Amino acid sequence: EVQLVESGGGQVQAGGSLRLSCAVSGLRITDYTIGWFRQAPGKEREGITCIGASDGSTYSADSVKGRFTISSDNVKNTVYLQMNSLKPEDTAVYYCAAAADLLAIMHSIVAGTTSDGIDYWGKGTLVTVSS
């Protein structure tokens, strides 16, 4: 059984930092593209960043570029999201997802949506940024 389990969410003041973790079991992250998505209240779930753990290549949406960093520990089979300079508009439930099809996650990030072709989802972790 494949499981993606997010942790590290919480409440932080604007300008602060949080580090999210996505612990993956049942598949090797080096065989998939792993992405982080978020869904703010009343908004569509959107892709924000992804990593190809096999080669460490990453891609991020402009909204988080320079503030959020995705990384992976292939031994622990875990993907991280370091979030710095947080803003109130970053408040959302954050999900990690795995896709065998790189384009599914890339399109989600470019289009700011959730594309078809995502194979597995975590249940999410809530991040609240107060002003």
Foldseek 3Di string as FASTA:
>chain_A
DKAWAKDFADEEAAQAKIKMKIQIPPDQLLQWKKWKWWDDPPGAIFTAKIANQVVGDMDGAPVQPPFWDWGDDRVRSMIMIIGGRDDQVVWTWMKMFIFSDPVQRVCRRVVGHHGPGTDDIHPTDTHGYHD
